[in-house]
Amino acid sequence: MTALGNMSTLAQVLEKLRIKKIDNEFQLHEGRFTVKRGKSYDPDDLTIIKTYRFEGESDPADSSILYIIEAADGLVGYSMDAYGVYTNHDDGGAYDNFIRQIKILEREEQLIFEL
């Protein structure tokens, strides 16, 4: 598991994102990532800047991955999924295919939360 400072749970990281106002959730809709603000993005418009993996202590279904994503227009947000067969996306693999197309440029946690 990757932790953020002393944060060790998904809920703690999501709360930190909310406090920093970078809690825009990217969701797959009609082949593009969209956010509540009405914007939508293709994979080429996005960069994964940090990945957090969380593993449930007693239940494999609690295992999840959180992607911190930055759009070309500067919008920063996140997308999350459960590992493998526990995925929360029932889309025939479209989410996995989309996320694999996004370039990855890992940044240090400190840089992300100073945005």
PDB file of N, CA and C in Angstrom:
ATOM      1  N   MET A   1       0.845  -1.176   0.000  1.00  0.00           N
ATOM      2  CA  MET A   1       0.000   0.000   0.000  1.00  0.00           C
ATOM      3  C   MET A   1       0.885   1.231   0.000  1.00  0.00           C
ATOM      4  N   THR A   2       0.511   2.218  -0.764  1.00  0.00           N
ATOM      5  CA  THR A   2       1.193   3.500  -0.747  1.00  0.00           C
ATOM      6  C   THR A   2       0.373   4.419   0.140  1.00  0.00           C
ATOM      7  N   ALA A   3       1.014   5.049   1.053  1.00  0.00           N
ATOM      8  CA  ALA A   3       0.299   5.950   1.954  1.00  0.00           C
ATOM      9  C   ALA A   3       0.726   7.382   1.682  1.00  0.00           C
ATOM     10  N   LEU A   4      -0.082   8.301   2.051  1.00  0.00           N
ATOM     11  CA  LEU A   4       0.181   9.721   1.873  1.00  0.00           C
ATOM     12  C   LEU A   4       0.514  10.290   3.234  1.00  0.00           C
ATOM     13  N   GLY A   5       1.808  10.497   3.502  1.00  0.00           N
ATOM     14  CA  GLY A   5       2.201  10.933   4.837  1.00  0.00           C
ATOM     15  C   GLY A   5       1.770   9.882   5.836  1.00  0.00           C
ATOM     16  N   ASN A   6       0.907  10.269   6.777  1.00  0.00           N
ATOM     17  CA  ASN A   6       0.419   9.299   7.740  1.00  0.00           C
ATOM     18  C   ASN A   6      -0.939   8.734   7.345  1.00  0.00           C
ATOM     19  N   MET A   7      -1.379   9.011   6.138  1.00  0.00           N
ATOM     20  CA  MET A   7      -2.658   8.494   5.672  1.00  0.00           C
ATOM     21  C   MET A   7      -2.475   7.091   5.122  1.00  0.00           C
ATOM     22  N   SER A   8      -3.346   6.200   5.500  1.00  0.00           N
ATOM     23  CA  SER A   8      -3.187   4.836   5.048  1.00  0.00           C
ATOM     24  C   SER A   8      -4.453   4.254   4.455  1.00  0.00           C
ATOM     25  N   THR A   9      -5.523   5.005   4.440  1.00  0.00           N
ATOM     26  CA  THR A   9      -6.765   4.473   3.887  1.00  0.00           C
ATOM     27  C   THR A   9      -7.208   5.299   2.687  1.00  0.00           C
ATOM     28  N   LEU A  10      -8.004   4.673   1.860  1.00  0.00           N
ATOM     29  CA  LEU A  10      -8.573   5.354   0.707  1.00  0.00           C
ATOM     30  C   LEU A  10      -9.379   6.572   1.155  1.00  0.00           C
ATOM     31  N   ALA A  11     -10.163   6.413   2.204  1.00  0.00           N
ATOM     32  CA  ALA A  11     -10.987   7.522   2.698  1.00  0.00           C
ATOM     33  C   ALA A  11     -10.129   8.718   3.112  1.00  0.00           C
ATOM     34  N   GLN A  12      -8.979   8.460   3.728  1.00  0.00           N
ATOM     35  CA  GLN A  12      -8.105   9.554   4.150  1.00  0.00           C
ATOM     36  C   GLN A  12      -7.521  10.295   2.951  1.00  0.00           C
ATOM     37  N   VAL A  13      -7.131   9.561   1.909  1.00  0.00           N
ATOM     38  CA  VAL A  13      -6.582  10.206   0.718  1.00  0.00           C
ATOM     39  C   VAL A  13      -7.676  11.007   0.014  1.00  0.00           C
ATOM     40  N   LEU A  14      -8.873  10.438  -0.106  1.00  0.00           N
ATOM     41  CA  LEU A  14      -9.978  11.166  -0.735  1.00  0.00           C
ATOM     42  C   LEU A  14     -10.322  12.434   0.041  1.00  0.00           C
ATOM     43  N   GLU A  15     -10.245  12.387   1.361  1.00  0.00           N
ATOM     44  CA  GLU A  15     -10.501  13.577   2.171  1.00  0.00           C
ATOM     45  C   GLU A  15      -9.431  14.640   1.920  1.00  0.00           C
ATOM     46  N   LYS A  16      -8.177  14.234   1.804  1.00  0.00           N
ATOM     47  CA  LYS A  16      -7.091  15.172   1.503  1.00  0.00           C
ATOM     48  C   LYS A  16      -7.326  15.825   0.137  1.00  0.00           C
ATOM     49  N   LEU A  17      -7.764  15.049  -0.837  1.00  0.00           N
ATOM     50  CA  LEU A  17      -8.079  15.604  -2.156  1.00  0.00           C
ATOM     51  C   LEU A  17      -9.214  16.622  -2.055  1.00  0.00           C
ATOM     52  N   ARG A  18     -10.240  16.288  -1.262  1.00  0.00           N
ATOM     53  CA  ARG A  18     -11.382  17.191  -1.099  1.00  0.00           C
ATOM     54  C   ARG A  18     -10.934  18.508  -0.470  1.00  0.00           C
ATOM     55  N   ILE A  19     -10.115  18.430   0.562  1.00  0.00           N
ATOM     56  CA  ILE A  19      -9.630  19.631   1.242  1.00  0.00           C
ATOM     57  C   ILE A  19      -8.842  20.512   0.282  1.00  0.00           C
ATOM     58  N   LYS A  20      -8.042  19.897  -0.575  1.00  0.00           N
ATOM     59  CA  LYS A  20      -7.224  20.643  -1.538  1.00  0.00           C
ATOM     60  C   LYS A  20      -8.006  21.029  -2.796  1.00  0.00           C
ATOM     61  N   LYS A  21      -9.294  20.687  -2.813  1.00  0.00           N
ATOM     62  CA  LYS A  21     -10.192  21.002  -3.938  1.00  0.00           C
ATOM     63  C   LYS A  21      -9.709  20.396  -5.256  1.00  0.00           C
ATOM     64  N   ILE A  22      -9.155  19.196  -5.160  1.00  0.00           N
ATOM     65  CA  ILE A  22      -8.788  18.445  -6.370  1.00  0.00           C
ATOM     66  C   ILE A  22      -9.511  17.097  -6.336  1.00  0.00           C
ATOM     67  N   ASP A  23     -10.801  17.179  -5.964  1.00  0.00           N
ATOM     68  CA  ASP A  23     -11.596  15.970  -5.812  1.00  0.00           C
ATOM     69  C   ASP A  23     -12.576  15.764  -6.978  1.00  0.00           C
ATOM     70  N   ASN A  24     -12.188  16.206  -8.156  1.00  0.00           N
ATOM     71  CA  ASN A  24     -13.002  15.981  -9.347  1.00  0.00           C
ATOM     72  C   ASN A  24     -12.891  14.508  -9.729  1.00  0.00           C
ATOM     73  N   GLU A  25     -14.006  13.810  -9.792  1.00  0.00           N
ATOM     74  CA  GLU A  25     -13.954  12.390 -10.143  1.00  0.00           C
ATOM     75  C   GLU A  25     -14.118  12.219 -11.650  1.00  0.00           C
ATOM     76  N   PHE A  26     -13.131  11.585 -12.260  1.00  0.00           N
ATOM     77  CA  PHE A  26     -13.195  11.227 -13.667  1.00  0.00           C
ATOM     78  C   PHE A  26     -13.955   9.911 -13.779  1.00  0.00           C
ATOM     79  N   GLN A  27     -15.031   9.914 -14.566  1.00  0.00           N
ATOM     80  CA  GLN A  27     -15.814   8.700 -14.772  1.00  0.00           C
ATOM     81  C   GLN A  27     -15.923   8.429 -16.258  1.00  0.00           C
ATOM     82  N   LEU A  28     -15.856   7.155 -16.617  1.00  0.00           N
ATOM     83  CA  LEU A  28     -15.964   6.782 -18.020  1.00  0.00           C
ATOM     84  C   LEU A  28     -17.418   6.879 -18.466  1.00  0.00           C
ATOM     85  N   HIS A  29     -17.634   7.654 -19.524  1.00  0.00           N
ATOM     86  CA  HIS A  29     -18.980   7.824 -20.076  1.00  0.00           C
ATOM     87  C   HIS A  29     -18.853   7.964 -21.588  1.00  0.00           C
ATOM     88  N   GLU A  30     -19.477   7.042 -22.298  1.00  0.00           N
ATOM     89  CA  GLU A  30     -19.473   7.045 -23.762  1.00  0.00           C
ATOM     90  C   GLU A  30     -18.060   7.152 -24.341  1.00  0.00           C
ATOM     91  N   GLY A  31     -17.137   6.375 -23.750  1.00  0.00           N
ATOM     92  CA  GLY A  31     -15.789   6.280 -24.288  1.00  0.00           C
ATOM     93  C   GLY A  31     -14.839   7.408 -23.927  1.00  0.00           C
ATOM     94  N   ARG A  32     -15.260   8.289 -23.016  1.00  0.00           N
ATOM     95  CA  ARG A  32     -14.407   9.398 -22.581  1.00  0.00           C
ATOM     96  C   ARG A  32     -14.525   9.542 -21.072  1.00  0.00           C
ATOM     97  N   PHE A  33     -13.503  10.107 -20.445  1.00  0.00           N
ATOM     98  CA  PHE A  33     -13.599  10.437 -19.027  1.00  0.00           C
ATOM     99  C   PHE A  33     -14.318  11.766 -18.907  1.00  0.00           C
ATOM    100  N   THR A  34     -15.326  11.818 -18.062  1.00  0.00           N
ATOM    101  CA  THR A  34     -16.068  13.051 -17.833  1.00  0.00           C
ATOM    102  C   THR A  34     -15.984  13.416 -16.355  1.00  0.00           C
ATOM    103  N   VAL A  35     -16.184  14.696 -16.070  1.00  0.00           N
ATOM    104  CA  VAL A  35     -16.266  15.188 -14.700  1.00  0.00           C
ATOM    105  C   VAL A  35     -17.580  15.931 -14.555  1.00  0.00           C
ATOM    106  N   LYS A  36     -18.009  16.141 -13.322  1.00  0.00           N
ATOM    107  CA  LYS A  36     -19.303  16.776 -13.066  1.00  0.00           C
ATOM    108  C   LYS A  36     -19.427  18.161 -13.677  1.00  0.00           C
ATOM    109  N   ARG A  37     -18.311  18.818 -13.901  1.00  0.00           N
ATOM    110  CA  ARG A  37     -18.354  20.160 -14.481  1.00  0.00           C
ATOM    111  C   ARG A  37     -18.755  20.143 -15.950  1.00  0.00           C
ATOM    112  N   GLY A  38     -19.014  18.948 -16.501  1.00  0.00           N
ATOM    113  CA  GLY A  38     -19.439  18.842 -17.881  1.00  0.00           C
ATOM    114  C   GLY A  38     -18.312  18.672 -18.878  1.00  0.00           C
ATOM    115  N   LYS A  39     -17.085  18.683 -18.409  1.00  0.00           N
ATOM    116  CA  LYS A  39     -15.953  18.495 -19.317  1.00  0.00           C
ATOM    117  C   LYS A  39     -15.762  17.003 -19.571  1.00  0.00           C
ATOM    118  N   SER A  40     -15.236  16.698 -20.759  1.00  0.00           N
ATOM    119  CA  SER A  40     -14.898  15.311 -21.061  1.00  0.00           C
ATOM    120  C   SER A  40     -13.554  15.262 -21.765  1.00  0.00           C
ATOM    121  N   TYR A  41     -12.874  14.129 -21.592  1.00  0.00           N
ATOM    122  CA  TYR A  41     -11.490  14.011 -22.038  1.00  0.00           C
ATOM    123  C   TYR A  41     -11.219  12.663 -22.697  1.00  0.00           C
ATOM    124  N   ASP A  42     -10.365  12.692 -23.705  1.00  0.00           N
ATOM    125  CA  ASP A  42      -9.822  11.484 -24.318  1.00  0.00           C
ATOM    126  C   ASP A  42      -8.541  11.132 -23.570  1.00  0.00           C
ATOM    127  N   PRO A  43      -8.037   9.898 -23.721  1.00  0.00           N
ATOM    128  CA  PRO A  43      -6.796   9.521 -23.029  1.00  0.00           C
ATOM    129  C   PRO A  43      -5.628  10.448 -23.335  1.00  0.00           C
ATOM    130  N   ASP A  44      -5.543  10.952 -24.552  1.00  0.00           N
ATOM    131  CA  ASP A  44      -4.439  11.845 -24.928  1.00  0.00           C
ATOM    132  C   ASP A  44      -4.478  13.180 -24.190  1.00  0.00           C
ATOM    133  N   ASP A  45      -5.629  13.526 -23.615  1.00  0.00           N
ATOM    134  CA  ASP A  45      -5.785  14.773 -22.873  1.00  0.00           C
ATOM    135  C   ASP A  45      -5.374  14.646 -21.413  1.00  0.00           C
ATOM    136  N   LEU A  46      -5.010  13.440 -20.988  1.00  0.00           N
ATOM    137  CA  LEU A  46      -4.821  13.151 -19.569  1.00  0.00           C
ATOM    138  C   LEU A  46      -3.442  12.584 -19.258  1.00  0.00           C
ATOM    139  N   THR A  47      -3.016  12.779 -18.007  1.00  0.00           N
ATOM    140  CA  THR A  47      -1.784  12.188 -17.501  1.00  0.00           C
ATOM    141  C   THR A  47      -2.049  11.675 -16.093  1.00  0.00           C
ATOM    142  N   ILE A  48      -1.678  10.430 -15.831  1.00  0.00           N
ATOM    143  CA  ILE A  48      -1.745   9.891 -14.475  1.00  0.00           C
ATOM    144  C   ILE A  48      -0.504  10.407 -13.753  1.00  0.00           C
ATOM    145  N   ILE A  49      -0.725  11.186 -12.682  1.00  0.00           N
ATOM    146  CA  ILE A  49       0.411  11.777 -11.983  1.00  0.00           C
ATOM    147  C   ILE A  49       0.742  11.051 -10.675  1.00  0.00           C
ATOM    148  N   LYS A  50      -0.136  10.182 -10.229  1.00  0.00           N
ATOM    149  CA  LYS A  50       0.158   9.380  -9.034  1.00  0.00           C
ATOM    150  C   LYS A  50      -0.827   8.216  -8.980  1.00  0.00           C
ATOM    151  N   THR A  51      -0.352   7.103  -8.489  1.00  0.00           N
ATOM    152  CA  THR A  51      -1.194   5.931  -8.319  1.00  0.00           C
ATOM    153  C   THR A  51      -1.059   5.453  -6.881  1.00  0.00           C
ATOM    154  N   TYR A  52      -2.189   5.218  -6.231  1.00  0.00           N
ATOM    155  CA  TYR A  52      -2.210   4.671  -4.882  1.00  0.00           C
ATOM    156  C   TYR A  52      -2.906   3.316  -4.939  1.00  0.00           C
ATOM    157  N   ARG A  53      -2.325   2.334  -4.290  1.00  0.00           N
ATOM    158  CA  ARG A  53      -2.939   1.007  -4.208  1.00  0.00           C
ATOM    159  C   ARG A  53      -3.242   0.726  -2.742  1.00  0.00           C
ATOM    160  N   PHE A  54      -4.446   0.259  -2.516  1.00  0.00           N
ATOM    161  CA  PHE A  54      -4.890  -0.069  -1.165  1.00  0.00           C
ATOM    162  C   PHE A  54      -5.307  -1.527  -1.147  1.00  0.00           C
ATOM    163  N   GLU A  55      -4.891  -2.243  -0.112  1.00  0.00           N
ATOM    164  CA  GLU A  55      -5.226  -3.652   0.000  1.00  0.00           C
ATOM    165  C   GLU A  55      -5.991  -3.868   1.295  1.00  0.00           C
ATOM    166  N   GLY A  56      -7.158  -4.514   1.161  1.00  0.00           N
ATOM    167  CA  GLY A  56      -7.949  -4.823   2.344  1.00  0.00           C
ATOM    168  C   GLY A  56      -7.226  -5.830   3.213  1.00  0.00           C
ATOM    169  N   GLU A  57      -7.260  -5.599   4.517  1.00  0.00           N
ATOM    170  CA  GLU A  57      -6.545  -6.486   5.426  1.00  0.00           C
ATOM    171  C   GLU A  57      -7.165  -7.870   5.500  1.00  0.00           C
ATOM    172  N   SER A  58      -8.483  -7.943   5.424  1.00  0.00           N
ATOM    173  CA  SER A  58      -9.115  -9.245   5.574  1.00  0.00           C
ATOM    174  C   SER A  58      -9.969  -9.647   4.377  1.00  0.00           C
ATOM    175  N   ASP A  59     -10.306  -8.714   3.520  1.00  0.00           N
ATOM    176  CA  ASP A  59     -11.206  -8.996   2.412  1.00  0.00           C
ATOM    177  C   ASP A  59     -10.595  -8.512   1.106  1.00  0.00           C
ATOM    178  N   PRO A  60     -10.278  -9.430   0.180  1.00  0.00           N
ATOM    179  CA  PRO A  60      -9.700  -9.015  -1.102  1.00  0.00           C
ATOM    180  C   PRO A  60     -10.590  -8.044  -1.872  1.00  0.00           C
ATOM    181  N   ALA A  61     -11.882  -8.062  -1.601  1.00  0.00           N
ATOM    182  CA  ALA A  61     -12.799  -7.150  -2.289  1.00  0.00           C
ATOM    183  C   ALA A  61     -12.555  -5.707  -1.883  1.00  0.00           C
ATOM    184  N   ASP A  62     -11.817  -5.485  -0.790  1.00  0.00           N
ATOM    185  CA  ASP A  62     -11.492  -4.128  -0.348  1.00  0.00           C
ATOM    186  C   ASP A  62     -10.284  -3.552  -1.070  1.00  0.00           C
ATOM    187  N   SER A  63      -9.655  -4.321  -1.929  1.00  0.00           N
ATOM    188  CA  SER A  63      -8.473  -3.852  -2.647  1.00  0.00           C
ATOM    189  C   SER A  63      -8.888  -2.898  -3.746  1.00  0.00           C
ATOM    190  N   SER A  64      -8.230  -1.737  -3.771  1.00  0.00           N
ATOM    191  CA  SER A  64      -8.595  -0.742  -4.772  1.00  0.00           C
ATOM    192  C   SER A  64      -7.371   0.029  -5.230  1.00  0.00           C
ATOM    193  N   ILE A  65      -7.556   0.726  -6.332  1.00  0.00           N
ATOM    194  CA  ILE A  65      -6.502   1.569  -6.888  1.00  0.00           C
ATOM    195  C   ILE A  65      -7.110   2.945  -7.151  1.00  0.00           C
ATOM    196  N   LEU A  66      -6.344   3.965  -6.816  1.00  0.00           N
ATOM    197  CA  LEU A  66      -6.779   5.347  -7.012  1.00  0.00           C
ATOM    198  C   LEU A  66      -5.758   6.014  -7.915  1.00  0.00           C
ATOM    199  N   TYR A  67      -6.240   6.536  -9.028  1.00  0.00           N
ATOM    200  CA  TYR A  67      -5.381   7.252  -9.967  1.00  0.00           C
ATOM    201  C   TYR A  67      -5.602   8.741  -9.781  1.00  0.00           C
ATOM    202  N   ILE A  68      -4.529   9.498  -9.562  1.00  0.00           N
ATOM    203  CA  ILE A  68      -4.619  10.956  -9.554  1.00  0.00           C
ATOM    204  C   ILE A  68      -4.269  11.382 -10.980  1.00  0.00           C
ATOM    205  N   ILE A  69      -5.168  12.135 -11.589  1.00  0.00           N
ATOM    206  CA  ILE A  69      -5.070  12.446 -13.015  1.00  0.00           C
ATOM    207  C   ILE A  69      -5.096  13.951 -13.227  1.00  0.00           C
ATOM    208  N   GLU A  70      -4.239  14.401 -14.148  1.00  0.00           N
ATOM    209  CA  GLU A  70      -4.235  15.807 -14.541  1.00  0.00           C
ATOM    210  C   GLU A  70      -4.594  15.901 -16.013  1.00  0.00           C
ATOM    211  N   ALA A  71      -5.543  16.777 -16.321  1.00  0.00           N
ATOM    212  CA  ALA A  71      -5.951  17.005 -17.708  1.00  0.00           C
ATOM    213  C   ALA A  71      -5.067  18.086 -18.325  1.00  0.00           C
ATOM    214  N   ALA A  72      -5.021  18.112 -19.634  1.00  0.00           N
ATOM    215  CA  ALA A  72      -4.214  19.093 -20.364  1.00  0.00           C
ATOM    216  C   ALA A  72      -4.614  20.529 -20.028  1.00  0.00           C
ATOM    217  N   ASP A  73      -5.877  20.743 -19.626  1.00  0.00           N
ATOM    218  CA  ASP A  73      -6.331  22.090 -19.275  1.00  0.00           C
ATOM    219  C   ASP A  73      -6.053  22.445 -17.811  1.00  0.00           C
ATOM    220  N   GLY A  74      -5.323  21.566 -17.086  1.00  0.00           N
ATOM    221  CA  GLY A  74      -4.937  21.841 -15.712  1.00  0.00           C
ATOM    222  C   GLY A  74      -5.849  21.261 -14.647  1.00  0.00           C
ATOM    223  N   LEU A  75      -7.003  20.737 -15.021  1.00  0.00           N
ATOM    224  CA  LEU A  75      -7.913  20.138 -14.053  1.00  0.00           C
ATOM    225  C   LEU A  75      -7.268  18.889 -13.465  1.00  0.00           C
ATOM    226  N   VAL A  76      -7.277  18.788 -12.141  1.00  0.00           N
ATOM    227  CA  VAL A  76      -6.733  17.618 -11.457  1.00  0.00           C
ATOM    228  C   VAL A  76      -7.872  16.930 -10.735  1.00  0.00           C
ATOM    229  N   GLY A  77      -7.878  15.616 -10.811  1.00  0.00           N
ATOM    230  CA  GLY A  77      -8.910  14.833 -10.144  1.00  0.00           C
ATOM    231  C   GLY A  77      -8.443  13.410  -9.973  1.00  0.00           C
ATOM    232  N   TYR A  78      -9.408  12.519  -9.839  1.00  0.00           N
ATOM    233  CA  TYR A  78      -9.073  11.124  -9.592  1.00  0.00           C
ATOM    234  C   TYR A  78     -10.055  10.191 -10.282  1.00  0.00           C
ATOM    235  N   SER A  79      -9.631   8.958 -10.411  1.00  0.00           N
ATOM    236  CA  SER A  79     -10.501   7.869 -10.826  1.00  0.00           C
ATOM    237  C   SER A  79     -10.109   6.677  -9.975  1.00  0.00           C
ATOM    238  N   MET A  80     -11.077   5.870  -9.580  1.00  0.00           N
ATOM    239  CA  MET A  80     -10.738   4.712  -8.772  1.00  0.00           C
ATOM    240  C   MET A  80     -11.423   3.464  -9.275  1.00  0.00           C
ATOM    241  N   ASP A  81     -10.798   2.354  -8.926  1.00  0.00           N
ATOM    242  CA  ASP A  81     -11.296   1.055  -9.332  1.00  0.00           C
ATOM    243  C   ASP A  81     -10.841   0.034  -8.310  1.00  0.00           C
ATOM    244  N   ALA A  82     -11.538  -1.074  -8.262  1.00  0.00           N
ATOM    245  CA  ALA A  82     -11.100  -2.212  -7.457  1.00  0.00           C
ATOM    246  C   ALA A  82     -10.219  -3.087  -8.343  1.00  0.00           C
ATOM    247  N   TYR A  83      -9.390  -3.890  -7.728  1.00  0.00           N
ATOM    248  CA  TYR A  83      -8.491  -4.763  -8.486  1.00  0.00           C
ATOM    249  C   TYR A  83      -9.247  -5.863  -9.219  1.00  0.00           C
ATOM    250  N   GLY A  84      -8.803  -6.135 -10.436  1.00  0.00           N
ATOM    251  CA  GLY A  84      -9.174  -7.328 -11.190  1.00  0.00           C
ATOM    252  C   GLY A  84     -10.640  -7.694 -11.172  1.00  0.00           C
ATOM    253  N   VAL A  85     -10.928  -8.904 -10.706  1.00  0.00           N
ATOM    254  CA  VAL A  85     -12.302  -9.413 -10.749  1.00  0.00           C
ATOM    255  C   VAL A  85     -13.239  -8.619  -9.859  1.00  0.00           C
ATOM    256  N   TYR A  86     -12.696  -7.810  -8.954  1.00  0.00           N
ATOM    257  CA  TYR A  86     -13.527  -7.012  -8.060  1.00  0.00           C
ATOM    258  C   TYR A  86     -13.829  -5.625  -8.614  1.00  0.00           C
ATOM    259  N   THR A  87     -13.482  -5.401  -9.882  1.00  0.00           N
ATOM    260  CA  THR A  87     -13.694  -4.098 -10.494  1.00  0.00           C
ATOM    261  C   THR A  87     -15.116  -3.595 -10.270  1.00  0.00           C
ATOM    262  N   ASN A  88     -15.261  -2.287 -10.124  1.00  0.00           N
ATOM    263  CA  ASN A  88     -16.591  -1.713  -9.979  1.00  0.00           C
ATOM    264  C   ASN A  88     -17.097  -1.150 -11.306  1.00  0.00           C
ATOM    265  N   HIS A  89     -16.477  -1.558 -12.405  1.00  0.00           N
ATOM    266  CA  HIS A  89     -16.901  -1.114 -13.725  1.00  0.00           C
ATOM    267  C   HIS A  89     -17.430  -2.321 -14.502  1.00  0.00           C
ATOM    268  N   ASP A  90     -18.703  -2.278 -14.841  1.00  0.00           N
ATOM    269  CA  ASP A  90     -19.335  -3.369 -15.578  1.00  0.00           C
ATOM    270  C   ASP A  90     -19.490  -2.925 -17.032  1.00  0.00           C
ATOM    271  N   ASP A  91     -18.351  -2.822 -17.733  1.00  0.00           N
ATOM    272  CA  ASP A  91     -18.365  -2.241 -19.072  1.00  0.00           C
ATOM    273  C   ASP A  91     -17.608  -3.078 -20.097  1.00  0.00           C
ATOM    274  N   GLY A  92     -17.418  -4.351 -19.798  1.00  0.00           N
ATOM    275  CA  GLY A  92     -16.737  -5.228 -20.742  1.00  0.00           C
ATOM    276  C   GLY A  92     -15.270  -4.890 -20.962  1.00  0.00           C
ATOM    277  N   GLY A  93     -14.632  -4.258 -19.996  1.00  0.00           N
ATOM    278  CA  GLY A  93     -13.219  -3.927 -20.114  1.00  0.00           C
ATOM    279  C   GLY A  93     -12.934  -2.546 -20.665  1.00  0.00           C
ATOM    280  N   ALA A  94     -13.958  -1.749 -20.947  1.00  0.00           N
ATOM    281  CA  ALA A  94     -13.741  -0.419 -21.517  1.00  0.00           C
ATOM    282  C   ALA A  94     -12.944   0.483 -20.572  1.00  0.00           C
ATOM    283  N   TYR A  95     -13.229   0.415 -19.269  1.00  0.00           N
ATOM    284  CA  TYR A  95     -12.495   1.242 -18.306  1.00  0.00           C
ATOM    285  C   TYR A  95     -11.013   0.868 -18.315  1.00  0.00           C
ATOM    286  N   ASP A  96     -10.729  -0.424 -18.218  1.00  0.00           N
ATOM    287  CA  ASP A  96      -9.330  -0.875 -18.216  1.00  0.00           C
ATOM    288  C   ASP A  96      -8.612  -0.460 -19.491  1.00  0.00           C
ATOM    289  N   ASN A  97      -9.265  -0.613 -20.626  1.00  0.00           N
ATOM    290  CA  ASN A  97      -8.655  -0.211 -21.895  1.00  0.00           C
ATOM    291  C   ASN A  97      -8.397   1.285 -21.940  1.00  0.00           C
ATOM    292  N   PHE A  98      -9.328   2.076 -21.424  1.00  0.00           N
ATOM    293  CA  PHE A  98      -9.169   3.524 -21.415  1.00  0.00           C
ATOM    294  C   PHE A  98      -8.006   3.931 -20.521  1.00  0.00           C
ATOM    295  N   ILE A  99      -7.980   3.412 -19.296  1.00  0.00           N
ATOM    296  CA  ILE A  99      -6.949   3.823 -18.337  1.00  0.00           C
ATOM    297  C   ILE A  99      -5.557   3.433 -18.829  1.00  0.00           C
ATOM    298  N   ARG A 100      -5.440   2.330 -19.544  1.00  0.00           N
ATOM    299  CA  ARG A 100      -4.140   1.894 -20.075  1.00  0.00           C
ATOM    300  C   ARG A 100      -3.603   2.836 -21.148  1.00  0.00           C
ATOM    301  N   GLN A 101      -4.475   3.599 -21.766  1.00  0.00           N
ATOM    302  CA  GLN A 101      -4.063   4.524 -22.826  1.00  0.00           C
ATOM    303  C   GLN A 101      -3.560   5.862 -22.289  1.00  0.00           C
ATOM    304  N   ILE A 102      -3.779   6.131 -21.012  1.00  0.00           N
ATOM    305  CA  ILE A 102      -3.364   7.400 -20.422  1.00  0.00           C
ATOM    306  C   ILE A 102      -1.879   7.323 -20.081  1.00  0.00           C
ATOM    307  N   LYS A 103      -1.140   8.362 -20.469  1.00  0.00           N
ATOM    308  CA  LYS A 103       0.296   8.372 -20.149  1.00  0.00           C
ATOM    309  C   LYS A 103       0.482   8.535 -18.645  1.00  0.00           C
ATOM    310  N   ILE A 104       1.619   8.032 -18.160  1.00  0.00           N
ATOM    311  CA  ILE A 104       1.916   8.055 -16.732  1.00  0.00           C
ATOM    312  C   ILE A 104       3.158   8.898 -16.494  1.00  0.00           C
ATOM    313  N   LEU A 105       3.042   9.837 -15.582  1.00  0.00           N
ATOM    314  CA  LEU A 105       4.164  10.673 -15.171  1.00  0.00           C
ATOM    315  C   LEU A 105       4.062  10.808 -13.662  1.00  0.00           C
ATOM    316  N   GLU A 106       4.625   9.850 -12.936  1.00  0.00           N
ATOM    317  CA  GLU A 106       4.504   9.848 -11.478  1.00  0.00           C
ATOM    318  C   GLU A 106       5.189  11.073 -10.882  1.00  0.00           C
ATOM    319  N   ARG A 107       4.513  11.709  -9.953  1.00  0.00           N
ATOM    320  CA  ARG A 107       5.062  12.849  -9.224  1.00  0.00           C
ATOM    321  C   ARG A 107       5.130  12.495  -7.749  1.00  0.00           C
ATOM    322  N   GLU A 108       5.967  13.199  -7.045  1.00  0.00           N
ATOM    323  CA  GLU A 108       6.046  13.001  -5.601  1.00  0.00           C
ATOM    324  C   GLU A 108       4.742  13.476  -4.964  1.00  0.00           C
ATOM    325  N   GLU A 109       4.337  12.832  -3.904  1.00  0.00           N
ATOM    326  CA  GLU A 109       3.106  13.192  -3.212  1.00  0.00           C
ATOM    327  C   GLU A 109       3.092  14.662  -2.811  1.00  0.00           C
ATOM    328  N   GLN A 110       4.215  15.153  -2.346  1.00  0.00           N
ATOM    329  CA  GLN A 110       4.287  16.551  -1.896  1.00  0.00           C
ATOM    330  C   GLN A 110       3.935  17.498  -3.045  1.00  0.00           C
ATOM    331  N   LEU A 111       4.423  17.238  -4.245  1.00  0.00           N
ATOM    332  CA  LEU A 111       4.121  18.103  -5.374  1.00  0.00           C
ATOM    333  C   LEU A 111       2.637  18.093  -5.715  1.00  0.00           C
ATOM    334  N   ILE A 112       2.018  16.929  -5.635  1.00  0.00           N
ATOM    335  CA  ILE A 112       0.595  16.832  -5.955  1.00  0.00           C
ATOM    336  C   ILE A 112      -0.228  17.696  -5.008  1.00  0.00           C
ATOM    337  N   PHE A 113       0.079  17.624  -3.741  1.00  0.00           N
ATOM    338  CA  PHE A 113      -0.742  18.322  -2.764  1.00  0.00           C
ATOM    339  C   PHE A 113      -0.317  19.760  -2.535  1.00  0.00           C
ATOM    340  N   GLU A 114       0.648  20.240  -3.302  1.00  0.00           N
ATOM    341  CA  GLU A 114       0.972  21.656  -3.283  1.00  0.00           C
ATOM    342  C   GLU A 114       0.384  22.356  -4.506  1.00  0.00           C
ATOM    343  N   LEU A 115      -0.337  21.617  -5.352  1.00  0.00           N
ATOM    344  CA  LEU A 115      -0.924  22.211  -6.554  1.00  0.00           C
ATOM    345  C   LEU A 115      -1.883  23.328  -6.195  1.00  0.00           C
TER     346      LEU A 115
END
